[in-house]
């Protein structure tokens, strides 16, 4: 498990938004559209990027298949995936706090 934590720390923006999107079960296209909405269109991921990352995350047990319907594979985050996502959110929050301190002149 420590190996997986180290592999995803720090997390890429793509991995972060995929895990964040999977706090609700979604299929690949739903993940793509959710990420575009969350980032106001700044981050547009292709299907190759999404499905390659989903495969890696599934192998690392961060996500599982929620259901496999005809032509739609739906994924969801695992407990391990949630732990890694929480760790990354704490790291990002710390960065955000430092930015606020800098902007307020409290470095």
N, C-alpha and C. Protein backbone atom coordinates (compact mmCIF):
# COMPACT_ATOMS: atom_id res chain seq x y z
N UNK A 1 0.83 -1.20 0.00
CA UNK A 1 0.00 0.00 0.00
C UNK A 1 0.87 1.26 0.00
N UNK A 2 1.98 1.26 0.76
CA UNK A 2 2.87 2.43 0.77
C UNK A 2 3.40 2.73 -0.62
N UNK A 3 3.64 1.66 -1.39
CA UNK A 3 4.15 1.83 -2.75
C UNK A 3 3.15 2.61 -3.61
N UNK A 4 1.87 2.31 -3.44
CA UNK A 4 0.83 3.01 -4.20
C UNK A 4 0.73 4.46 -3.74
N UNK A 5 0.82 4.70 -2.41
CA UNK A 5 0.77 6.08 -1.91
C UNK A 5 1.92 6.89 -2.50
N UNK A 6 3.11 6.31 -2.53
CA UNK A 6 4.27 7.02 -3.07
C UNK A 6 4.11 7.28 -4.57
N UNK A 7 3.52 6.32 -5.27
CA UNK A 7 3.34 6.45 -6.72
C UNK A 7 2.43 7.63 -7.07
N UNK A 8 1.45 7.90 -6.21
CA UNK A 8 0.48 8.96 -6.50
C UNK A 8 0.71 10.22 -5.66
N UNK A 9 1.91 10.38 -5.11
CA UNK A 9 2.19 11.57 -4.32
C UNK A 9 3.47 12.22 -4.82
N UNK A 10 3.45 13.40 -5.39
CA UNK A 10 2.24 14.16 -5.67
C UNK A 10 1.51 13.58 -6.87
N UNK A 11 0.25 13.88 -6.95
CA UNK A 11 -0.61 13.34 -7.99
C UNK A 11 -0.62 14.28 -9.20
N UNK A 12 -0.71 13.69 -10.38
CA UNK A 12 -0.86 14.54 -11.57
C UNK A 12 -2.26 15.16 -11.55
N UNK A 13 -2.40 16.25 -12.26
CA UNK A 13 -3.71 16.90 -12.34
C UNK A 13 -4.74 15.96 -12.96
N UNK A 14 -4.33 15.21 -13.97
CA UNK A 14 -5.23 14.24 -14.61
C UNK A 14 -5.71 13.21 -13.61
N UNK A 15 -4.78 12.60 -12.88
CA UNK A 15 -5.15 11.58 -11.89
C UNK A 15 -6.06 12.17 -10.82
N UNK A 16 -5.74 13.38 -10.36
CA UNK A 16 -6.56 14.02 -9.33
C UNK A 16 -8.00 14.17 -9.81
N UNK A 17 -8.17 14.75 -10.98
CA UNK A 17 -9.54 15.01 -11.45
C UNK A 17 -10.29 13.72 -11.80
N UNK A 18 -9.58 12.69 -12.22
CA UNK A 18 -10.27 11.42 -12.47
C UNK A 18 -10.77 10.84 -11.15
N UNK A 19 -9.91 10.77 -10.14
CA UNK A 19 -10.36 10.25 -8.83
C UNK A 19 -11.46 11.12 -8.25
N UNK A 20 -11.30 12.42 -8.35
CA UNK A 20 -12.31 13.35 -7.83
C UNK A 20 -13.65 13.12 -8.53
N UNK A 21 -13.60 12.88 -9.83
CA UNK A 21 -14.83 12.62 -10.59
C UNK A 21 -15.49 11.31 -10.19
N UNK A 22 -14.67 10.36 -9.75
CA UNK A 22 -15.21 9.03 -9.43
C UNK A 22 -15.70 8.90 -7.99
N UNK A 23 -15.84 10.00 -7.29
CA UNK A 23 -16.52 9.94 -5.99
C UNK A 23 -17.99 9.64 -6.22
N UNK A 24 -18.42 9.78 -7.47
CA UNK A 24 -19.73 9.34 -7.95
C UNK A 24 -19.45 8.39 -9.11
N UNK A 25 -20.06 7.20 -9.14
CA UNK A 25 -19.79 6.28 -10.26
C UNK A 25 -20.06 6.94 -11.62
N UNK A 26 -19.10 6.76 -12.54
CA UNK A 26 -19.23 7.37 -13.87
C UNK A 26 -18.56 6.46 -14.91
N UNK A 27 -18.98 6.63 -16.15
CA UNK A 27 -18.31 5.97 -17.27
C UNK A 27 -17.28 6.95 -17.84
N UNK A 28 -16.43 6.45 -18.73
CA UNK A 28 -15.33 7.26 -19.25
C UNK A 28 -15.75 8.60 -19.83
N UNK A 29 -16.77 8.61 -20.68
CA UNK A 29 -17.21 9.87 -21.27
C UNK A 29 -17.76 10.81 -20.20
N UNK A 30 -18.44 10.25 -19.21
CA UNK A 30 -18.95 11.07 -18.10
C UNK A 30 -17.82 11.71 -17.31
N UNK A 31 -16.71 10.98 -17.17
CA UNK A 31 -15.54 11.52 -16.48
C UNK A 31 -14.97 12.69 -17.29
N UNK A 32 -14.83 12.49 -18.59
CA UNK A 32 -14.31 13.55 -19.47
C UNK A 32 -15.15 14.81 -19.35
N UNK A 33 -16.46 14.67 -19.45
CA UNK A 33 -17.36 15.83 -19.39
C UNK A 33 -17.34 16.48 -18.01
N UNK A 34 -17.26 15.69 -16.95
CA UNK A 34 -17.22 16.23 -15.60
C UNK A 34 -15.94 17.05 -15.38
N UNK A 35 -14.82 16.53 -15.85
CA UNK A 35 -13.55 17.25 -15.70
C UNK A 35 -13.59 18.57 -16.48
N UNK A 36 -14.12 18.53 -17.68
CA UNK A 36 -14.25 19.77 -18.45
C UNK A 36 -15.11 20.79 -17.71
N UNK A 37 -16.19 20.33 -17.11
CA UNK A 37 -17.08 21.24 -16.36
C UNK A 37 -16.38 21.78 -15.12
N UNK A 38 -15.69 20.91 -14.37
CA UNK A 38 -15.01 21.34 -13.14
C UNK A 38 -13.93 22.38 -13.42
N UNK A 39 -13.25 22.23 -14.56
CA UNK A 39 -12.13 23.12 -14.88
C UNK A 39 -12.53 24.22 -15.86
N UNK A 40 -13.82 24.42 -16.05
CA UNK A 40 -14.32 25.43 -16.99
C UNK A 40 -13.69 25.30 -18.37
N UNK A 41 -13.50 24.06 -18.80
CA UNK A 41 -12.96 23.79 -20.13
C UNK A 41 -11.46 23.88 -20.25
N UNK A 42 -10.77 24.23 -19.16
CA UNK A 42 -9.31 24.36 -19.20
C UNK A 42 -8.64 23.01 -19.45
N UNK A 43 -9.18 21.96 -18.87
CA UNK A 43 -8.59 20.63 -18.99
C UNK A 43 -9.51 19.76 -19.83
N UNK A 44 -9.05 19.43 -21.03
CA UNK A 44 -9.81 18.58 -21.94
C UNK A 44 -8.99 17.33 -22.20
N UNK A 45 -9.43 16.23 -21.66
CA UNK A 45 -8.69 14.98 -21.77
C UNK A 45 -9.26 14.11 -22.87
N UNK A 46 -8.38 13.51 -23.64
CA UNK A 46 -8.80 12.59 -24.68
C UNK A 46 -9.11 11.22 -24.11
N UNK A 47 -9.79 10.42 -24.90
CA UNK A 47 -10.18 9.10 -24.41
C UNK A 47 -8.96 8.22 -24.15
N UNK A 48 -7.89 8.37 -24.93
CA UNK A 48 -6.67 7.58 -24.69
C UNK A 48 -6.07 7.88 -23.33
N UNK A 49 -6.03 9.15 -22.96
CA UNK A 49 -5.51 9.55 -21.65
C UNK A 49 -6.39 9.01 -20.54
N UNK A 50 -7.70 9.19 -20.69
CA UNK A 50 -8.64 8.74 -19.66
C UNK A 50 -8.55 7.23 -19.47
N UNK A 51 -8.67 6.48 -20.55
CA UNK A 51 -8.73 5.03 -20.41
C UNK A 51 -7.38 4.43 -20.00
N UNK A 52 -6.27 5.05 -20.42
CA UNK A 52 -4.96 4.60 -19.96
C UNK A 52 -4.80 4.80 -18.46
N UNK A 53 -5.22 5.97 -17.98
CA UNK A 53 -5.14 6.27 -16.54
C UNK A 53 -6.10 5.40 -15.75
N UNK A 54 -7.31 5.19 -16.26
CA UNK A 54 -8.27 4.31 -15.57
C UNK A 54 -7.71 2.90 -15.42
N UNK A 55 -7.05 2.39 -16.46
CA UNK A 55 -6.46 1.05 -16.41
C UNK A 55 -5.39 0.98 -15.32
N UNK A 56 -4.52 2.00 -15.27
CA UNK A 56 -3.47 2.03 -14.24
C UNK A 56 -4.10 2.10 -12.84
N UNK A 57 -5.11 2.95 -12.68
CA UNK A 57 -5.75 3.09 -11.38
C UNK A 57 -6.47 1.82 -10.97
N UNK A 58 -7.03 1.13 -11.94
CA UNK A 58 -7.69 -0.13 -11.63
C UNK A 58 -6.65 -1.17 -11.20
N UNK A 59 -5.52 -1.22 -11.88
CA UNK A 59 -4.44 -2.14 -11.50
C UNK A 59 -3.89 -1.82 -10.12
N UNK A 60 -3.88 -0.54 -9.76
CA UNK A 60 -3.39 -0.11 -8.44
C UNK A 60 -4.48 -0.16 -7.37
N UNK A 61 -5.67 -0.61 -7.74
CA UNK A 61 -6.81 -0.78 -6.84
C UNK A 61 -7.34 0.53 -6.26
N UNK A 62 -7.19 1.61 -7.03
CA UNK A 62 -7.75 2.90 -6.61
C UNK A 62 -9.20 3.02 -7.06
N UNK A 63 -9.54 2.28 -8.11
CA UNK A 63 -10.91 2.27 -8.63
C UNK A 63 -11.30 0.84 -8.96
N UNK A 64 -12.59 0.62 -9.06
CA UNK A 64 -13.13 -0.69 -9.47
C UNK A 64 -14.24 -0.47 -10.48
N UNK A 65 -14.56 -1.54 -11.18
CA UNK A 65 -15.73 -1.49 -12.06
C UNK A 65 -16.97 -1.51 -11.19
N UNK A 66 -17.81 -0.54 -11.36
CA UNK A 66 -19.07 -0.47 -10.63
C UNK A 66 -20.11 -1.31 -11.36
N UNK A 67 -20.12 -1.18 -12.67
CA UNK A 67 -20.96 -2.05 -13.50
C UNK A 67 -20.42 -2.00 -14.92
N UNK A 68 -20.73 -3.04 -15.65
CA UNK A 68 -20.25 -3.14 -17.02
C UNK A 68 -21.46 -3.38 -17.91
N UNK A 69 -22.10 -2.29 -18.27
CA UNK A 69 -23.28 -2.36 -19.12
C UNK A 69 -22.84 -2.43 -20.58
N UNK A 70 -23.78 -2.70 -21.46
CA UNK A 70 -23.46 -2.74 -22.88
C UNK A 70 -22.90 -1.40 -23.32
N UNK A 71 -21.66 -1.41 -23.79
CA UNK A 71 -20.97 -0.24 -24.33
C UNK A 71 -20.65 0.83 -23.29
N UNK A 72 -20.91 0.60 -22.01
CA UNK A 72 -20.57 1.58 -20.98
C UNK A 72 -20.01 0.86 -19.76
N UNK A 73 -18.74 1.11 -19.49
CA UNK A 73 -18.13 0.58 -18.28
C UNK A 73 -18.15 1.70 -17.25
N UNK A 74 -18.74 1.43 -16.11
CA UNK A 74 -18.87 2.45 -15.06
C UNK A 74 -17.88 2.12 -13.95
N UNK A 75 -17.14 3.13 -13.52
CA UNK A 75 -16.10 2.99 -12.50
C UNK A 75 -16.50 3.74 -11.25
N UNK A 76 -15.92 3.31 -10.12
CA UNK A 76 -16.05 4.08 -8.88
C UNK A 76 -14.78 3.96 -8.07
N UNK A 77 -14.57 4.92 -7.21
CA UNK A 77 -13.38 4.99 -6.37
C UNK A 77 -13.47 3.95 -5.25
N UNK A 78 -12.31 3.38 -4.86
CA UNK A 78 -12.25 2.44 -3.75
C UNK A 78 -11.88 3.19 -2.47
N UNK A 79 -11.86 2.48 -1.36
CA UNK A 79 -11.43 3.08 -0.09
C UNK A 79 -9.99 3.56 -0.20
N UNK A 80 -9.13 2.76 -0.81
CA UNK A 80 -7.74 3.16 -1.01
C UNK A 80 -7.67 4.41 -1.88
N UNK A 81 -8.45 4.44 -2.94
CA UNK A 81 -8.50 5.62 -3.80
C UNK A 81 -8.95 6.85 -3.05
N UNK A 82 -9.93 6.69 -2.16
CA UNK A 82 -10.41 7.82 -1.35
C UNK A 82 -9.31 8.31 -0.42
N UNK A 83 -8.55 7.39 0.16
CA UNK A 83 -7.46 7.78 1.06
C UNK A 83 -6.39 8.57 0.31
N UNK A 84 -6.05 8.10 -0.88
CA UNK A 84 -5.04 8.79 -1.68
C UNK A 84 -5.56 10.15 -2.15
N UNK A 85 -6.83 10.22 -2.51
CA UNK A 85 -7.43 11.50 -2.91
C UNK A 85 -7.43 12.48 -1.73
N UNK A 86 -7.77 12.02 -0.54
CA UNK A 86 -7.76 12.88 0.65
C UNK A 86 -6.35 13.41 0.93
N UNK A 87 -5.36 12.54 0.78
CA UNK A 87 -3.97 12.94 0.99
C UNK A 87 -3.59 14.05 0.01
N UNK A 88 -3.99 13.89 -1.23
CA UNK A 88 -3.67 14.90 -2.25
C UNK A 88 -4.43 16.20 -1.99
N UNK A 89 -5.66 16.11 -1.54
CA UNK A 89 -6.42 17.33 -1.25
C UNK A 89 -5.79 18.09 -0.08
N UNK A 90 -5.24 17.38 0.91
CA UNK A 90 -4.54 18.05 2.01
C UNK A 90 -3.30 18.77 1.48
N UNK A 91 -2.58 18.12 0.56
CA UNK A 91 -1.38 18.73 -0.02
C UNK A 91 -1.75 19.99 -0.81
N UNK A 92 -2.80 19.92 -1.60
CA UNK A 92 -3.23 21.08 -2.40
C UNK A 92 -3.73 22.20 -1.49
N UNK A 93 -4.42 21.84 -0.42
CA UNK A 93 -4.90 22.86 0.53
C UNK A 93 -3.73 23.59 1.17
N UNK A 94 -2.68 22.84 1.51
CA UNK A 94 -1.49 23.46 2.09
C UNK A 94 -0.87 24.47 1.11
N UNK A 95 -0.80 24.08 -0.15
CA UNK A 95 -0.29 25.00 -1.18
C UNK A 95 -1.18 26.23 -1.26
N UNK A 96 -2.48 26.01 -1.27
CA UNK A 96 -3.44 27.13 -1.33
C UNK A 96 -3.24 28.07 -0.14
N UNK A 97 -3.08 27.50 1.05
CA UNK A 97 -2.87 28.32 2.24
C UNK A 97 -1.61 29.17 2.12
N UNK A 98 -0.54 28.59 1.54
CA UNK A 98 0.70 29.34 1.35
C UNK A 98 0.51 30.48 0.35
N UNK A 99 -0.28 30.25 -0.68
CA UNK A 99 -0.57 31.30 -1.66
C UNK A 99 -1.32 32.45 -0.99
N UNK A 100 -2.30 32.13 -0.18
CA UNK A 100 -3.07 33.15 0.54
C UNK A 100 -2.14 33.95 1.46
N UNK A 101 -1.27 33.26 2.19
CA UNK A 101 -0.33 33.95 3.07
C UNK A 101 0.57 34.88 2.27
N UNK A 102 1.03 34.42 1.13
CA UNK A 102 1.88 35.24 0.27
C UNK A 102 1.14 36.49 -0.19
N UNK A 103 -0.09 36.30 -0.65
CA UNK A 103 -0.88 37.42 -1.14
C UNK A 103 -1.19 38.43 -0.04
N UNK A 104 -1.29 37.95 1.19
CA UNK A 104 -1.57 38.84 2.32
C UNK A 104 -0.29 39.41 2.92
N UNK A 105 0.87 39.05 2.33
CA UNK A 105 2.14 39.55 2.82
C UNK A 105 2.60 38.91 4.11
N UNK A 106 2.11 37.70 4.39
CA UNK A 106 2.45 37.01 5.64
C UNK A 106 3.36 35.82 5.39
N UNK A 107 4.29 35.97 4.52
CA UNK A 107 5.17 34.86 4.19
C UNK A 107 5.96 34.50 5.39
